[in-house]
Amino acid sequence: MIEVKYFGAVAEKTKCDFEKVSFSQVSLQELLQNLDKKYQFNSLSFSVAVNQKIVSKATDYTLQTSDIVALLPPFAGG
């Protein structure tokens, strides 16, 4: 099971902090498309981290069953 954690506006939209998703093998893009269909993120802006490393949403990355994906709100340095 892949654990998906939600933060900020994404957590407000999903009405949960995390969920476990059952996939045997799925790409990051496929997971994000499935979540978008389920929650209709529309214009929400967020970054994606896989196992605590920020990755591009367009990355061709195959997720493993032990991976943790986090959808993070925009943040600014200072």
PDB file of N, CA and C in Angstrom:
ATOM      1  N   MET A   1       0.844  -1.180   0.000  1.00  0.00           N
ATOM      2  CA  MET A   1       0.000   0.000   0.000  1.00  0.00           C
ATOM      3  C   MET A   1       0.892   1.246   0.000  1.00  0.00           C
ATOM      4  N   ILE A   2       0.496   2.201  -0.786  1.00  0.00           N
ATOM      5  CA  ILE A   2       1.202   3.475  -0.855  1.00  0.00           C
ATOM      6  C   ILE A   2       0.476   4.445   0.073  1.00  0.00           C
ATOM      7  N   GLU A   3       1.224   5.103   0.945  1.00  0.00           N
ATOM      8  CA  GLU A   3       0.621   6.082   1.845  1.00  0.00           C
ATOM      9  C   GLU A   3       0.713   7.462   1.207  1.00  0.00           C
ATOM     10  N   VAL A   4      -0.418   8.155   1.177  1.00  0.00           N
ATOM     11  CA  VAL A   4      -0.462   9.508   0.622  1.00  0.00           C
ATOM     12  C   VAL A   4      -0.831  10.447   1.765  1.00  0.00           C
ATOM     13  N   LYS A   5       0.023  11.432   2.006  1.00  0.00           N
ATOM     14  CA  LYS A   5      -0.213  12.405   3.073  1.00  0.00           C
ATOM     15  C   LYS A   5      -0.613  13.742   2.451  1.00  0.00           C
ATOM     16  N   TYR A   6      -1.584  14.399   3.074  1.00  0.00           N
ATOM     17  CA  TYR A   6      -2.094  15.670   2.568  1.00  0.00           C
ATOM     18  C   TYR A   6      -1.825  16.783   3.577  1.00  0.00           C
ATOM     19  N   PHE A   7      -1.440  17.948   3.060  1.00  0.00           N
ATOM     20  CA  PHE A   7      -1.145  19.092   3.914  1.00  0.00           C
ATOM     21  C   PHE A   7      -1.825  20.338   3.356  1.00  0.00           C
ATOM     22  N   GLY A   8      -2.093  21.299   4.231  1.00  0.00           N
ATOM     23  CA  GLY A   8      -2.627  22.601   3.813  1.00  0.00           C
ATOM     24  C   GLY A   8      -3.958  22.499   3.099  1.00  0.00           C
ATOM     25  N   ALA A   9      -4.085  23.246   2.000  1.00  0.00           N
ATOM     26  CA  ALA A   9      -5.335  23.313   1.244  1.00  0.00           C
ATOM     27  C   ALA A   9      -5.720  21.951   0.664  1.00  0.00           C
ATOM     28  N   VAL A  10      -4.730  21.122   0.372  1.00  0.00           N
ATOM     29  CA  VAL A  10      -5.024  19.788  -0.165  1.00  0.00           C
ATOM     30  C   VAL A  10      -5.722  18.951   0.912  1.00  0.00           C
ATOM     31  N   ALA A  11      -5.261  19.038   2.155  1.00  0.00           N
ATOM     32  CA  ALA A  11      -5.903  18.315   3.256  1.00  0.00           C
ATOM     33  C   ALA A  11      -7.324  18.822   3.474  1.00  0.00           C
ATOM     34  N   GLU A  12      -7.518  20.128   3.315  1.00  0.00           N
ATOM     35  CA  GLU A  12      -8.870  20.691   3.451  1.00  0.00           C
ATOM     36  C   GLU A  12      -9.782  20.155   2.352  1.00  0.00           C
ATOM     37  N   LYS A  13      -9.262  20.029   1.148  1.00  0.00           N
ATOM     38  CA  LYS A  13     -10.060  19.545   0.014  1.00  0.00           C
ATOM     39  C   LYS A  13     -10.421  18.061   0.186  1.00  0.00           C
ATOM     40  N   THR A  14      -9.456  17.256   0.642  1.00  0.00           N
ATOM     41  CA  THR A  14      -9.689  15.818   0.786  1.00  0.00           C
ATOM     42  C   THR A  14     -10.422  15.476   2.080  1.00  0.00           C
ATOM     43  N   LYS A  15     -10.426  16.416   3.024  1.00  0.00           N
ATOM     44  CA  LYS A  15     -11.031  16.219   4.345  1.00  0.00           C
ATOM     45  C   LYS A  15     -10.359  15.089   5.138  1.00  0.00           C
ATOM     46  N   CYS A  16      -9.068  14.859   4.848  1.00  0.00           N
ATOM     47  CA  CYS A  16      -8.293  13.895   5.633  1.00  0.00           C
ATOM     48  C   CYS A  16      -6.811  14.277   5.553  1.00  0.00           C
ATOM     49  N   ASP A  17      -6.046  13.772   6.510  1.00  0.00           N
ATOM     50  CA  ASP A  17      -4.617  14.062   6.555  1.00  0.00           C
ATOM     51  C   ASP A  17      -3.798  13.056   5.749  1.00  0.00           C
ATOM     52  N   PHE A  18      -4.331  11.823   5.636  1.00  0.00           N
ATOM     53  CA  PHE A  18      -3.617  10.802   4.875  1.00  0.00           C
ATOM     54  C   PHE A  18      -4.572   9.677   4.501  1.00  0.00           C
ATOM     55  N   GLU A  19      -4.133   8.872   3.551  1.00  0.00           N
ATOM     56  CA  GLU A  19      -4.869   7.664   3.203  1.00  0.00           C
ATOM     57  C   GLU A  19      -3.883   6.672   2.616  1.00  0.00           C
ATOM     58  N   LYS A  20      -4.245   5.412   2.670  1.00  0.00           N
ATOM     59  CA  LYS A  20      -3.426   4.371   2.063  1.00  0.00           C
ATOM     60  C   LYS A  20      -4.127   3.906   0.802  1.00  0.00           C
ATOM     61  N   VAL A  21      -3.365   3.865  -0.282  1.00  0.00           N
ATOM     62  CA  VAL A  21      -3.918   3.533  -1.584  1.00  0.00           C
ATOM     63  C   VAL A  21      -3.334   2.198  -2.025  1.00  0.00           C
ATOM     64  N   SER A  22      -4.187   1.321  -2.489  1.00  0.00           N
ATOM     65  CA  SER A  22      -3.762  -0.015  -2.884  1.00  0.00           C
ATOM     66  C   SER A  22      -3.474  -0.069  -4.378  1.00  0.00           C
ATOM     67  N   PHE A  23      -2.204  -0.132  -4.725  1.00  0.00           N
ATOM     68  CA  PHE A  23      -1.762  -0.317  -6.094  1.00  0.00           C
ATOM     69  C   PHE A  23      -0.599  -1.295  -6.059  1.00  0.00           C
ATOM     70  N   SER A  24      -0.516  -2.181  -7.030  1.00  0.00           N
ATOM     71  CA  SER A  24       0.639  -3.073  -7.076  1.00  0.00           C
ATOM     72  C   SER A  24       1.822  -2.345  -7.700  1.00  0.00           C
ATOM     73  N   GLN A  25       1.568  -1.652  -8.802  1.00  0.00           N
ATOM     74  CA  GLN A  25       2.605  -0.821  -9.422  1.00  0.00           C
ATOM     75  C   GLN A  25       1.916   0.312 -10.153  1.00  0.00           C
ATOM     76  N   VAL A  26       2.287   1.514  -9.823  1.00  0.00           N
ATOM     77  CA  VAL A  26       1.662   2.679 -10.431  1.00  0.00           C
ATOM     78  C   VAL A  26       2.719   3.781 -10.537  1.00  0.00           C
ATOM     79  N   SER A  27       2.608   4.577 -11.580  1.00  0.00           N
ATOM     80  CA  SER A  27       3.534   5.702 -11.711  1.00  0.00           C
ATOM     81  C   SER A  27       3.009   6.861 -10.868  1.00  0.00           C
ATOM     82  N   LEU A  28       3.902   7.775 -10.558  1.00  0.00           N
ATOM     83  CA  LEU A  28       3.509   8.955  -9.797  1.00  0.00           C
ATOM     84  C   LEU A  28       2.433   9.728 -10.553  1.00  0.00           C
ATOM     85  N   GLN A  29       2.585   9.864 -11.867  1.00  0.00           N
ATOM     86  CA  GLN A  29       1.599  10.588 -12.671  1.00  0.00           C
ATOM     87  C   GLN A  29       0.229   9.916 -12.620  1.00  0.00           C
ATOM     88  N   GLU A  30       0.192   8.581 -12.690  1.00  0.00           N
ATOM     89  CA  GLU A  30      -1.081   7.860 -12.620  1.00  0.00           C
ATOM     90  C   GLU A  30      -1.745   8.059 -11.260  1.00  0.00           C
ATOM     91  N   LEU A  31      -0.951   8.010 -10.202  1.00  0.00           N
ATOM     92  CA  LEU A  31      -1.496   8.235  -8.863  1.00  0.00           C
ATOM     93  C   LEU A  31      -2.101   9.628  -8.764  1.00  0.00           C
ATOM     94  N   LEU A  32      -1.375  10.633  -9.243  1.00  0.00           N
ATOM     95  CA  LEU A  32      -1.870  12.003  -9.169  1.00  0.00           C
ATOM     96  C   LEU A  32      -3.139  12.179 -10.004  1.00  0.00           C
ATOM     97  N   GLN A  33      -3.203  11.523 -11.160  1.00  0.00           N
ATOM     98  CA  GLN A  33      -4.415  11.595 -11.989  1.00  0.00           C
ATOM     99  C   GLN A  33      -5.603  10.947 -11.265  1.00  0.00           C
ATOM    100  N   ASN A  34      -5.370   9.814 -10.634  1.00  0.00           N
ATOM    101  CA  ASN A  34      -6.441   9.134  -9.897  1.00  0.00           C
ATOM    102  C   ASN A  34      -6.931   9.986  -8.726  1.00  0.00           C
ATOM    103  N   LEU A  35      -6.002  10.612  -8.012  1.00  0.00           N
ATOM    104  CA  LEU A  35      -6.386  11.469  -6.890  1.00  0.00           C
ATOM    105  C   LEU A  35      -7.140  12.702  -7.383  1.00  0.00           C
ATOM    106  N   ASP A  36      -6.721  13.239  -8.534  1.00  0.00           N
ATOM    107  CA  ASP A  36      -7.406  14.402  -9.088  1.00  0.00           C
ATOM    108  C   ASP A  36      -8.843  14.047  -9.491  1.00  0.00           C
ATOM    109  N   LYS A  37      -9.043  12.867 -10.063  1.00  0.00           N
ATOM    110  CA  LYS A  37     -10.401  12.426 -10.408  1.00  0.00           C
ATOM    111  C   LYS A  37     -11.252  12.278  -9.158  1.00  0.00           C
ATOM    112  N   LYS A  38     -10.655  11.745  -8.107  1.00  0.00           N
ATOM    113  CA  LYS A  38     -11.387  11.486  -6.864  1.00  0.00           C
ATOM    114  C   LYS A  38     -11.739  12.780  -6.129  1.00  0.00           C
ATOM    115  N   TYR A  39     -10.779  13.717  -6.057  1.00  0.00           N
ATOM    116  CA  TYR A  39     -10.965  14.919  -5.239  1.00  0.00           C
ATOM    117  C   TYR A  39     -11.161  16.201  -6.040  1.00  0.00           C
ATOM    118  N   GLN A  40     -10.939  16.159  -7.342  1.00  0.00           N
ATOM    119  CA  GLN A  40     -11.065  17.333  -8.202  1.00  0.00           C
ATOM    120  C   GLN A  40     -10.275  18.529  -7.667  1.00  0.00           C
ATOM    121  N   PHE A  41      -8.960  18.377  -7.664  1.00  0.00           N
ATOM    122  CA  PHE A  41      -8.071  19.421  -7.154  1.00  0.00           C
ATOM    123  C   PHE A  41      -8.174  20.707  -7.960  1.00  0.00           C
ATOM    124  N   ASN A  42      -8.539  20.609  -9.250  1.00  0.00           N
ATOM    125  CA  ASN A  42      -8.701  21.764 -10.126  1.00  0.00           C
ATOM    126  C   ASN A  42      -7.519  22.720 -10.050  1.00  0.00           C
ATOM    127  N   SER A  43      -7.713  23.884  -9.480  1.00  0.00           N
ATOM    128  CA  SER A  43      -6.664  24.903  -9.506  1.00  0.00           C
ATOM    129  C   SER A  43      -5.774  24.886  -8.262  1.00  0.00           C
ATOM    130  N   LEU A  44      -5.878  23.868  -7.427  1.00  0.00           N
ATOM    131  CA  LEU A  44      -5.017  23.809  -6.243  1.00  0.00           C
ATOM    132  C   LEU A  44      -3.554  23.694  -6.664  1.00  0.00           C
ATOM    133  N   SER A  45      -2.736  24.477  -6.028  1.00  0.00           N
ATOM    134  CA  SER A  45      -1.310  24.429  -6.298  1.00  0.00           C
ATOM    135  C   SER A  45      -0.635  23.654  -5.166  1.00  0.00           C
ATOM    136  N   PHE A  46       0.155  22.658  -5.521  1.00  0.00           N
ATOM    137  CA  PHE A  46       0.865  21.894  -4.504  1.00  0.00           C
ATOM    138  C   PHE A  46       2.123  21.275  -5.092  1.00  0.00           C
ATOM    139  N   SER A  47       3.057  20.977  -4.214  1.00  0.00           N
ATOM    140  CA  SER A  47       4.284  20.274  -4.591  1.00  0.00           C
ATOM    141  C   SER A  47       4.132  18.820  -4.154  1.00  0.00           C
ATOM    142  N   VAL A  48       4.966  17.971  -4.738  1.00  0.00           N
ATOM    143  CA  VAL A  48       4.899  16.549  -4.424  1.00  0.00           C
ATOM    144  C   VAL A  48       6.247  16.092  -3.880  1.00  0.00           C
ATOM    145  N   ALA A  49       6.198  15.317  -2.807  1.00  0.00           N
ATOM    146  CA  ALA A  49       7.404  14.700  -2.265  1.00  0.00           C
ATOM    147  C   ALA A  49       7.188  13.189  -2.217  1.00  0.00           C
ATOM    148  N   VAL A  50       8.220  12.456  -2.584  1.00  0.00           N
ATOM    149  CA  VAL A  50       8.189  11.000  -2.471  1.00  0.00           C
ATOM    150  C   VAL A  50       9.301  10.620  -1.508  1.00  0.00           C
ATOM    151  N   ASN A  51       8.921   9.981  -0.419  1.00  0.00           N
ATOM    152  CA  ASN A  51       9.882   9.585   0.619  1.00  0.00           C
ATOM    153  C   ASN A  51      10.733  10.772   1.077  1.00  0.00           C
ATOM    154  N   GLN A  52      10.050  11.885   1.317  1.00  0.00           N
ATOM    155  CA  GLN A  52      10.617  13.117   1.861  1.00  0.00           C
ATOM    156  C   GLN A  52      11.558  13.847   0.908  1.00  0.00           C
ATOM    157  N   LYS A  53      11.461  13.579  -0.393  1.00  0.00           N
ATOM    158  CA  LYS A  53      12.254  14.303  -1.383  1.00  0.00           C
ATOM    159  C   LYS A  53      11.301  14.921  -2.394  1.00  0.00           C
ATOM    160  N   ILE A  54      11.414  16.239  -2.592  1.00  0.00           N
ATOM    161  CA  ILE A  54      10.565  16.943  -3.547  1.00  0.00           C
ATOM    162  C   ILE A  54      10.885  16.438  -4.963  1.00  0.00           C
ATOM    163  N   VAL A  55       9.826  16.105  -5.703  1.00  0.00           N
ATOM    164  CA  VAL A  55       9.984  15.645  -7.083  1.00  0.00           C
ATOM    165  C   VAL A  55       9.011  16.408  -7.974  1.00  0.00           C
ATOM    166  N   SER A  56       9.308  16.445  -9.252  1.00  0.00           N
ATOM    167  CA  SER A  56       8.424  17.087 -10.208  1.00  0.00           C
ATOM    168  C   SER A  56       7.190  16.211 -10.417  1.00  0.00           C
ATOM    169  N   LYS A  57       6.031  16.850 -10.583  1.00  0.00           N
ATOM    170  CA  LYS A  57       4.800  16.098 -10.851  1.00  0.00           C
ATOM    171  C   LYS A  57       4.908  15.354 -12.172  1.00  0.00           C
ATOM    172  N   ALA A  58       5.763  15.826 -13.060  1.00  0.00           N
ATOM    173  CA  ALA A  58       5.914  15.216 -14.385  1.00  0.00           C
ATOM    174  C   ALA A  58       6.947  14.092 -14.392  1.00  0.00           C
ATOM    175  N   THR A  59       7.577  13.828 -13.255  1.00  0.00           N
ATOM    176  CA  THR A  59       8.597  12.790 -13.174  1.00  0.00           C
ATOM    177  C   THR A  59       8.018  11.433 -13.531  1.00  0.00           C
ATOM    178  N   ASP A  60       8.738  10.698 -14.358  1.00  0.00           N
ATOM    179  CA  ASP A  60       8.322   9.345 -14.725  1.00  0.00           C
ATOM    180  C   ASP A  60       8.876   8.394 -13.660  1.00  0.00           C
ATOM    181  N   TYR A  61       8.189   8.320 -12.536  1.00  0.00           N
ATOM    182  CA  TYR A  61       8.667   7.561 -11.382  1.00  0.00           C
ATOM    183  C   TYR A  61       7.650   6.476 -11.054  1.00  0.00           C
ATOM    184  N   THR A  62       8.105   5.238 -10.956  1.00  0.00           N
ATOM    185  CA  THR A  62       7.225   4.142 -10.573  1.00  0.00           C
ATOM    186  C   THR A  62       7.264   3.983  -9.064  1.00  0.00           C
ATOM    187  N   LEU A  63       6.112   4.110  -8.444  1.00  0.00           N
ATOM    188  CA  LEU A  63       6.023   4.021  -6.991  1.00  0.00           C
ATOM    189  C   LEU A  63       6.089   2.571  -6.537  1.00  0.00           C
ATOM    190  N   GLN A  64       6.691   2.366  -5.391  1.00  0.00           N
ATOM    191  CA  GLN A  64       6.760   1.053  -4.758  1.00  0.00           C
ATOM    192  C   GLN A  64       5.728   1.001  -3.636  1.00  0.00           C
ATOM    193  N   THR A  65       5.367  -0.183  -3.202  1.00  0.00           N
ATOM    194  CA  THR A  65       4.304  -0.314  -2.202  1.00  0.00           C
ATOM    195  C   THR A  65       4.670   0.313  -0.853  1.00  0.00           C
ATOM    196  N   SER A  66       5.938   0.503  -0.587  1.00  0.00           N
ATOM    197  CA  SER A  66       6.340   1.085   0.700  1.00  0.00           C
ATOM    198  C   SER A  66       6.551   2.597   0.635  1.00  0.00           C
ATOM    199  N   ASP A  67       6.327   3.211  -0.523  1.00  0.00           N
ATOM    200  CA  ASP A  67       6.576   4.647  -0.683  1.00  0.00           C
ATOM    201  C   ASP A  67       5.551   5.498   0.059  1.00  0.00           C
ATOM    202  N   ILE A  68       6.007   6.670   0.463  1.00  0.00           N
ATOM    203  CA  ILE A  68       5.133   7.664   1.084  1.00  0.00           C
ATOM    204  C   ILE A  68       5.157   8.896   0.181  1.00  0.00           C
ATOM    205  N   VAL A  69       3.970   9.275  -0.293  1.00  0.00           N
ATOM    206  CA  VAL A  69       3.825  10.430  -1.170  1.00  0.00           C
ATOM    207  C   VAL A  69       3.146  11.538  -0.367  1.00  0.00           C
ATOM    208  N   ALA A  70       3.713  12.727  -0.406  1.00  0.00           N
ATOM    209  CA  ALA A  70       3.120  13.863   0.307  1.00  0.00           C
ATOM    210  C   ALA A  70       2.759  14.953  -0.691  1.00  0.00           C
ATOM    211  N   LEU A  71       1.553  15.497  -0.542  1.00  0.00           N
ATOM    212  CA  LEU A  71       1.113  16.629  -1.352  1.00  0.00           C
ATOM    213  C   LEU A  71       1.203  17.858  -0.459  1.00  0.00           C
ATOM    214  N   LEU A  72       2.104  18.753  -0.791  1.00  0.00           N
ATOM    215  CA  LEU A  72       2.476  19.868   0.075  1.00  0.00           C
ATOM    216  C   LEU A  72       1.992  21.198  -0.484  1.00  0.00           C
ATOM    217  N   PRO A  73       1.570  22.113   0.399  1.00  0.00           N
ATOM    218  CA  PRO A  73       1.146  23.435  -0.066  1.00  0.00           C
ATOM    219  C   PRO A  73       2.362  24.223  -0.558  1.00  0.00           C
ATOM    220  N   PRO A  74       2.114  25.268  -1.356  1.00  0.00           N
ATOM    221  CA  PRO A  74       3.235  26.118  -1.784  1.00  0.00           C
ATOM    222  C   PRO A  74       3.899  26.742  -0.560  1.00  0.00           C
ATOM    223  N   PHE A  75       5.175  26.889  -0.626  1.00  0.00           N
ATOM    224  CA  PHE A  75       5.880  27.529   0.482  1.00  0.00           C
ATOM    225  C   PHE A  75       6.979  28.410  -0.063  1.00  0.00           C
ATOM    226  N   ALA A  76       7.313  29.417   0.711  1.00  0.00           N
ATOM    227  CA  ALA A  76       8.325  30.388   0.285  1.00  0.00           C
ATOM    228  C   ALA A  76       9.468  30.403   1.276  1.00  0.00           C
ATOM    229  N   GLY A  77      10.640  30.624   0.782  1.00  0.00           N
ATOM    230  CA  GLY A  77      11.816  30.722   1.650  1.00  0.00           C
ATOM    231  C   GLY A  77      11.926  32.133   2.208  1.00  0.00           C
ATOM    232  N   GLY A  78      12.785  32.257   3.185  1.00  0.00           N
ATOM    233  CA  GLY A  78      12.929  33.594   3.730  1.00  0.00           C
ATOM    234  C   GLY A  78      14.077  33.717   4.652  1.00  0.00           C
TER     235      GLY A  78
END
